[in-house]
């Protein structure tokens, strides 16, 4: 499916509020997470940086605002290690190469991943003013994003969140808005990401989801996850997969598994479900996950599932398979 067709699919399935927050409503993920650069990877962050993209429709002419919930590191929802000593930096990029540059989508943060034009930046330490409060970047002219009409239907902005000092964990949320003081959705806009770092629920009854889009060229998916602490299972639901298990990692290590794509799954979303282990009482579990196709190219996660949340179709069903490293 052409990327422009993806954009129009988003319009059809009604983006409204669901596609604007990150983590998204449909994902049922409490918060994003980024640690200070001196943090221990065993706490659930392998490189202390997160990159999120927003696409704004090319016909949107009003100013936009990018909002951050609980941007400081210190307080009720953040994760303390010793004294609060962490500085977190948020930067917004637009213009040429903000998204299209190869390094912008590099999971190893090598090269010029801060490509594009810097539109705004601010650093935060522990401060009660921002604890469980929103900070707003903007107003931003939507045409200041990188214009990628064929790929994403409009203008793309990149948000980089990085822990520039300290070792505490910063838990936060993002939202795109038409207003500076409230989260009013930008019609037709959506978020996407390649390497996703987030906090799982403490409640074992909560199921979290992520929604990669499997385009027509994907023949296999290799997933990699980090520091899952063996906390339950990860499984794939699709039109052809009724709970195919992904290999999960332990403490401070990576796990990988390979999954073949059935022809009926192409140009549709996967529902990757993260189900915690009942009775294990694992709390404050921060995790990392990304996917690649058979060409070693990263696969995008979208803030809402393209085409809707997939349902297994028994008539298509595939035989259960053993996961491969």
Protein backbone atom coordinates (compact mmCIF):
# COMPACT_ATOMS: atom_id res chain seq x y z
CA UNK A 1 0.00 0.00 0.00
CA UNK A 2 1.33 3.44 -0.93
CA UNK A 3 2.05 5.63 2.09
CA UNK A 4 -0.40 8.25 0.83
CA UNK A 5 -3.10 5.59 0.85
CA UNK A 6 -2.17 4.94 4.48
CA UNK A 7 -2.83 8.58 5.25
CA UNK A 8 -6.30 8.50 3.69
CA UNK A 9 -7.03 5.28 5.56
CA UNK A 10 -6.39 7.20 8.76
CA UNK A 11 -8.96 9.77 7.73
CA UNK A 12 -11.54 7.09 7.01
CA UNK A 13 -11.16 5.36 10.36
CA UNK A 14 -11.62 8.65 12.24
CA UNK A 15 -8.47 9.80 13.93
CA UNK A 16 -10.04 12.37 16.25
CA UNK A 17 -8.60 12.10 19.76
CA UNK A 18 -7.30 8.52 19.58
CA UNK A 19 -4.34 9.19 17.28
CA UNK A 20 -3.04 12.33 18.99
CA UNK A 21 -1.78 11.19 22.44
CA UNK A 22 1.39 9.14 22.75
CA UNK A 23 0.99 6.57 24.16
CA UNK A 24 -2.31 6.35 22.32
CA UNK A 25 -5.64 5.53 23.93
CA UNK A 26 -5.94 2.25 22.01
CA UNK A 27 -2.48 1.16 23.16
CA UNK A 28 -3.44 1.19 26.85
CA UNK A 29 0.12 2.07 27.87
CA UNK A 30 0.51 4.35 30.92
CA UNK A 31 3.59 6.39 29.97
CA UNK A 32 6.63 6.72 27.77
CA UNK A 33 9.95 6.38 29.59
CA UNK A 34 13.43 7.84 29.18
CA UNK A 35 16.24 7.65 31.74
CA UNK A 36 19.11 10.02 32.35
CA UNK A 37 22.26 9.12 30.42
CA UNK A 38 23.94 7.79 33.56
CA UNK A 39 21.11 5.36 34.27
CA UNK A 40 21.51 1.60 34.43
CA UNK A 41 20.14 -0.22 31.40
CA UNK A 42 18.69 -2.87 33.72
CA UNK A 43 16.05 -0.33 34.71
CA UNK A 44 14.61 -0.57 31.18
CA UNK A 45 16.26 1.95 28.86
CA UNK A 46 19.12 0.86 26.62
CA UNK A 47 20.19 4.24 25.18
CA UNK A 48 18.43 7.06 27.11
CA UNK A 49 16.71 8.62 24.11
CA UNK A 50 13.30 8.34 22.44
CA UNK A 51 12.14 9.58 19.02
CA UNK A 52 8.49 10.19 18.13
CA UNK A 53 7.07 11.55 14.85
CA UNK A 54 3.85 13.43 14.15
CA UNK A 55 2.28 13.92 10.72
CA UNK A 56 -0.02 16.91 10.12
CA UNK A 57 -2.26 16.95 6.99
CA UNK A 58 -1.03 19.23 4.22
CA UNK A 59 -4.33 21.13 4.15
CA UNK A 60 -4.16 22.04 7.84
CA UNK A 61 -3.42 25.77 8.06
CA UNK A 62 -3.90 26.65 11.74
CA UNK A 63 -1.02 26.67 14.26
CA UNK A 64 -0.31 23.44 16.13
CA UNK A 65 1.04 22.78 19.61
CA UNK A 66 3.07 19.84 20.91
CA UNK A 67 2.37 19.22 24.56
CA UNK A 68 4.28 17.18 27.16
CA UNK A 69 2.70 15.80 30.32
CA UNK A 70 4.96 15.66 33.38
CA UNK A 71 8.10 16.79 31.52
CA UNK A 72 10.23 17.13 34.65
CA UNK A 73 12.10 14.30 36.33
CA UNK A 74 11.06 14.21 39.95
CA UNK A 75 7.70 13.71 41.58
CA UNK A 76 4.77 11.36 41.67
CA UNK A 77 5.07 9.29 38.50
CA UNK A 78 8.82 9.38 37.78
CA UNK A 79 11.27 6.70 38.91
CA UNK A 80 13.83 7.82 41.43
CA UNK A 81 17.29 6.37 41.89
CA UNK A 82 19.08 7.96 44.84
CA UNK A 83 18.76 11.75 44.76
CA UNK A 84 16.79 13.40 41.97
CA UNK A 85 19.62 14.51 39.66
CA UNK A 86 18.34 14.06 36.12
CA UNK A 87 17.99 16.61 33.35
CA UNK A 88 15.68 15.78 30.46
CA UNK A 89 15.78 17.58 27.11
CA UNK A 90 12.89 17.80 24.63
CA UNK A 91 13.62 18.99 21.09
CA UNK A 92 11.30 19.46 18.10
CA UNK A 93 12.59 19.27 14.55
CA UNK A 94 10.99 20.08 11.19
CA UNK A 95 12.17 21.05 7.74
CA UNK A 96 14.12 19.02 5.22
CA UNK A 97 15.46 15.66 6.42
CA UNK A 98 13.70 15.76 9.79
CA UNK A 99 12.10 12.42 8.96
CA UNK A 100 13.37 11.40 5.52
CA UNK A 101 17.06 11.26 6.49
CA UNK A 102 18.21 7.68 7.04
CA UNK A 103 19.75 8.47 10.41
CA UNK A 104 16.45 9.92 11.67
CA UNK A 105 15.12 6.35 11.85
CA UNK A 106 18.27 4.69 13.14
CA UNK A 107 17.60 2.70 16.31
CA UNK A 108 21.27 2.94 17.34
CA UNK A 109 21.29 6.77 17.43
CA UNK A 110 24.33 6.88 15.18
CA UNK A 111 25.00 9.56 12.59
CA UNK A 112 22.88 12.68 12.30
CA UNK A 113 19.65 11.47 13.93
CA UNK A 114 18.98 15.08 14.96
CA UNK A 115 18.53 15.95 11.30
CA UNK A 116 16.27 18.76 10.15
CA UNK A 117 15.68 22.26 11.51
CA UNK A 118 15.47 22.73 15.28
CA UNK A 119 12.15 24.48 16.00
CA UNK A 120 12.18 24.43 19.78
CA UNK A 121 13.93 22.88 22.75
CA UNK A 122 13.67 22.94 26.53
CA UNK A 123 15.34 21.08 29.38
CA UNK A 124 13.74 20.08 32.68
CA UNK A 125 15.00 18.90 36.04
CA UNK A 126 12.90 18.14 39.12
CA UNK A 127 10.41 20.99 39.56
CA UNK A 128 6.99 20.96 41.25
CA UNK A 129 5.71 23.44 38.65
CA UNK A 130 5.77 20.70 36.01
CA UNK A 131 4.98 17.64 38.11
CA UNK A 132 1.87 16.03 36.58
CA UNK A 133 1.29 19.20 34.56
CA UNK A 134 1.42 19.98 30.84
CA UNK A 135 4.13 22.01 29.10
CA UNK A 136 3.36 23.34 25.61
CA UNK A 137 5.67 23.95 22.64
CA UNK A 138 4.24 26.37 20.11
CA UNK A 139 2.53 27.88 18.32
CA UNK A 140 4.13 26.06 15.41
CA UNK A 141 3.30 26.72 11.77
CA UNK A 142 2.38 23.31 10.32
CA UNK A 143 4.37 24.08 7.16
CA UNK A 144 7.53 24.11 9.29
CA UNK A 145 7.45 20.31 9.29
CA UNK A 146 9.14 18.26 6.59
CA UNK A 147 6.77 18.10 3.63
CA UNK A 148 6.26 14.41 2.80
CA UNK A 149 2.87 14.28 1.04
CA UNK A 150 3.40 10.93 -0.68
CA UNK A 151 4.75 9.14 2.37
CA UNK A 152 2.70 10.64 5.21
CA UNK A 153 0.11 12.94 3.67
CA UNK A 154 1.56 16.21 4.87
CA UNK A 155 4.11 17.77 7.20
CA UNK A 156 6.17 15.65 9.60
CA UNK A 157 7.67 16.75 12.90
CA UNK A 158 10.22 14.86 14.98
CA UNK A 159 10.36 14.99 18.77
CA UNK A 160 13.56 13.79 20.46
CA UNK A 161 13.51 13.19 24.20
CA UNK A 162 16.92 12.54 25.73
CA UNK A 163 18.32 12.16 29.21
CA UNK A 164 21.34 14.45 29.17
CA UNK A 165 22.43 13.86 32.77
CA UNK A 166 21.53 11.89 35.88
CA UNK A 167 20.20 8.37 36.36
CA UNK A 168 16.49 8.72 37.23
CA UNK A 169 13.62 7.56 35.06
CA UNK A 170 11.39 10.15 33.39
CA UNK A 171 7.83 9.01 32.71
CA UNK A 172 5.79 11.30 30.47
CA UNK A 173 3.16 11.56 27.74
CA UNK A 174 2.88 13.56 24.51
CA UNK A 175 -0.06 15.08 22.68
CA UNK A 176 -0.60 17.09 19.51
CA UNK A 177 -3.18 19.86 19.83
CA UNK A 178 -4.91 22.81 18.18
CA UNK A 179 -4.85 24.66 21.50
CA UNK A 180 -2.02 25.66 23.85
CA UNK A 181 -3.85 24.90 27.10
CA UNK A 182 -5.85 21.77 26.27
CA UNK A 183 -5.55 18.65 24.16
CA UNK A 184 -7.79 19.43 21.21
CA UNK A 185 -7.06 17.03 18.32
CA UNK A 186 -5.64 18.21 15.01
CA UNK A 187 -7.99 16.63 12.49
CA UNK A 188 -6.28 13.99 10.38
CA UNK A 189 -2.96 14.07 12.27
CA UNK A 190 -1.31 10.96 13.69
CA UNK A 191 1.84 9.77 15.43
CA UNK A 192 4.26 7.03 14.41
CA UNK A 193 7.47 5.59 15.84
CA UNK A 194 10.05 2.90 15.21
CA UNK A 195 11.66 2.06 18.55
CA UNK A 196 9.21 2.32 21.40
CA UNK A 197 10.09 2.66 25.10
CA UNK A 198 7.34 2.63 27.68
CA UNK A 199 6.13 1.58 31.12
CA UNK A 200 3.86 -1.44 31.45
CA UNK A 201 0.93 -1.34 33.84
CA UNK A 202 1.51 -2.62 37.36
CA UNK A 203 -1.96 -4.20 37.27
CA UNK A 204 -1.64 -7.68 35.76
CA UNK A 205 -5.21 -7.47 34.44
CA UNK A 206 -4.31 -4.68 32.02
CA UNK A 207 -3.36 -5.65 28.45
CA UNK A 208 -1.23 -3.22 26.45
CA UNK A 209 -1.10 -3.09 22.64
CA UNK A 210 1.07 -1.76 19.82
CA UNK A 211 0.03 -1.63 16.18
CA UNK A 212 2.64 -2.07 13.45
CA UNK A 213 1.47 -1.83 9.85
CA UNK A 214 2.46 -4.74 7.60
CA UNK A 215 2.75 -3.36 4.08
CA UNK A 216 2.66 -5.34 0.85
CA UNK A 217 6.45 -5.82 0.75
CA UNK A 218 6.86 -7.39 4.19
CA UNK A 219 7.46 -11.13 4.07
CA UNK A 220 8.71 -11.63 7.62
CA UNK A 221 8.93 -9.69 10.85
CA UNK A 222 11.85 -9.90 13.27
CA UNK A 223 10.99 -8.47 16.65
CA UNK A 224 13.47 -7.37 19.29
CA UNK A 225 12.55 -6.52 22.86
CA UNK A 226 14.68 -5.44 25.81
CA UNK A 227 14.43 -5.90 29.59
CA UNK A 228 10.98 -7.50 29.65
CA UNK A 229 11.87 -9.17 32.95
CA UNK A 230 10.01 -12.29 31.77
CA UNK A 231 6.83 -10.43 32.70
CA UNK A 232 4.15 -12.53 31.00
CA UNK A 233 3.77 -12.97 27.25
CA UNK A 234 3.83 -11.02 24.00
CA UNK A 235 1.56 -12.36 21.27
CA UNK A 236 0.40 -11.39 17.78
CA UNK A 237 -3.25 -11.13 16.81
CA UNK A 238 -3.99 -10.67 13.10
CA UNK A 239 -6.41 -11.96 10.50
CA UNK A 240 -4.19 -15.07 10.26
CA UNK A 241 -2.54 -15.32 13.69
CA UNK A 242 -4.56 -16.18 16.77
CA UNK A 243 -2.00 -15.42 19.45
CA UNK A 244 1.39 -16.33 17.97
CA UNK A 245 3.94 -15.92 20.75
CA UNK A 246 6.95 -13.64 20.52
CA UNK A 247 10.06 -14.47 22.49
CA UNK A 248 10.45 -12.27 25.57
CA UNK A 249 13.60 -10.99 27.24
CA UNK A 250 14.73 -11.25 30.83
CA UNK A 251 16.46 -8.62 32.93
CA UNK A 252 18.82 -6.27 31.08
CA UNK A 253 19.02 -8.32 27.90
CA UNK A 254 17.52 -8.55 24.41
CA UNK A 255 15.33 -11.27 22.92
CA UNK A 256 14.46 -11.77 19.25
CA UNK A 257 12.06 -13.90 17.28
CA UNK A 258 11.17 -14.26 13.61
CA UNK A 259 7.59 -14.37 12.34
CA UNK A 260 6.46 -15.15 8.80
CA UNK A 261 3.81 -12.95 7.19
CA UNK A 262 0.77 -14.65 5.66
CA UNK A 263 -0.45 -13.08 2.36
CA UNK A 264 -3.77 -12.18 4.00
CA UNK A 265 -1.95 -10.03 6.59
CA UNK A 266 -0.44 -7.62 4.08
CA UNK A 267 -1.67 -4.01 4.07
CA UNK A 268 -3.14 -4.58 7.51
CA UNK A 269 -2.12 -4.00 11.11
CA UNK A 270 -0.89 -6.45 13.70
CA UNK A 271 -2.20 -6.21 17.23
CA UNK A 272 0.82 -7.03 19.39
CA UNK A 273 -0.53 -7.70 22.85
CA UNK A 274 1.51 -7.53 26.03
CA UNK A 275 -0.08 -9.64 28.77
CA UNK A 276 1.51 -9.56 32.20
CA UNK A 277 2.18 -12.61 34.31
CA UNK A 278 -0.60 -13.12 36.84
CA UNK A 279 0.60 -13.40 40.40
CA UNK A 280 4.16 -12.26 39.62
CA UNK A 281 3.63 -8.77 41.09
CA UNK A 282 6.22 -7.19 38.77
CA UNK A 283 6.02 -3.40 39.07
CA UNK A 284 7.70 -0.43 37.38
CA UNK A 285 8.54 -2.55 34.35
CA UNK A 286 10.06 -0.36 31.62
CA UNK A 287 10.57 -2.04 28.24
CA UNK A 288 11.86 -1.42 24.71
CA UNK A 289 10.63 -2.97 21.44
CA UNK A 290 11.18 -2.58 17.71
CA UNK A 291 10.47 -4.58 14.53
CA UNK A 292 12.33 -5.10 11.27
CA UNK A 293 11.36 -6.67 7.96
CA UNK A 294 13.32 -9.19 5.90
CA UNK A 295 15.41 -6.35 4.40
CA UNK A 296 16.50 -5.23 7.90
CA UNK A 297 14.30 -2.13 7.58
CA UNK A 298 12.43 -0.80 10.59
CA UNK A 299 8.65 -1.25 10.63
CA UNK A 300 6.52 1.65 11.84
CA UNK A 301 4.18 1.52 14.79
CA UNK A 302 1.16 3.80 14.38
CA UNK A 303 -0.80 5.51 17.12
CA UNK A 304 -3.99 3.79 15.95
CA UNK A 305 -4.25 0.54 13.97
CA UNK A 306 -4.62 1.19 10.25
CA UNK A 307 -7.81 -0.47 9.07
CA UNK A 308 -8.97 -0.99 12.64
CA UNK A 309 -7.97 -3.48 15.31
CA UNK A 310 -7.40 -6.80 13.51
CA UNK A 311 -9.56 -9.83 14.27
CA UNK A 312 -8.52 -13.41 13.67
CA UNK A 313 -10.36 -15.13 10.82
CA UNK A 314 -10.63 -18.83 11.46
CA UNK A 315 -10.99 -19.64 7.75
CA UNK A 316 -7.54 -18.16 7.06
CA UNK A 317 -5.88 -19.65 10.15
CA UNK A 318 -2.27 -20.72 10.15
CA UNK A 319 -0.93 -23.71 12.00
CA UNK A 320 0.80 -22.87 15.30
CA UNK A 321 4.52 -22.40 14.88
CA UNK A 322 7.59 -22.35 17.06
CA UNK A 323 9.31 -18.98 17.29
CA UNK A 324 12.81 -18.72 15.86
CA UNK A 325 15.65 -16.56 17.07
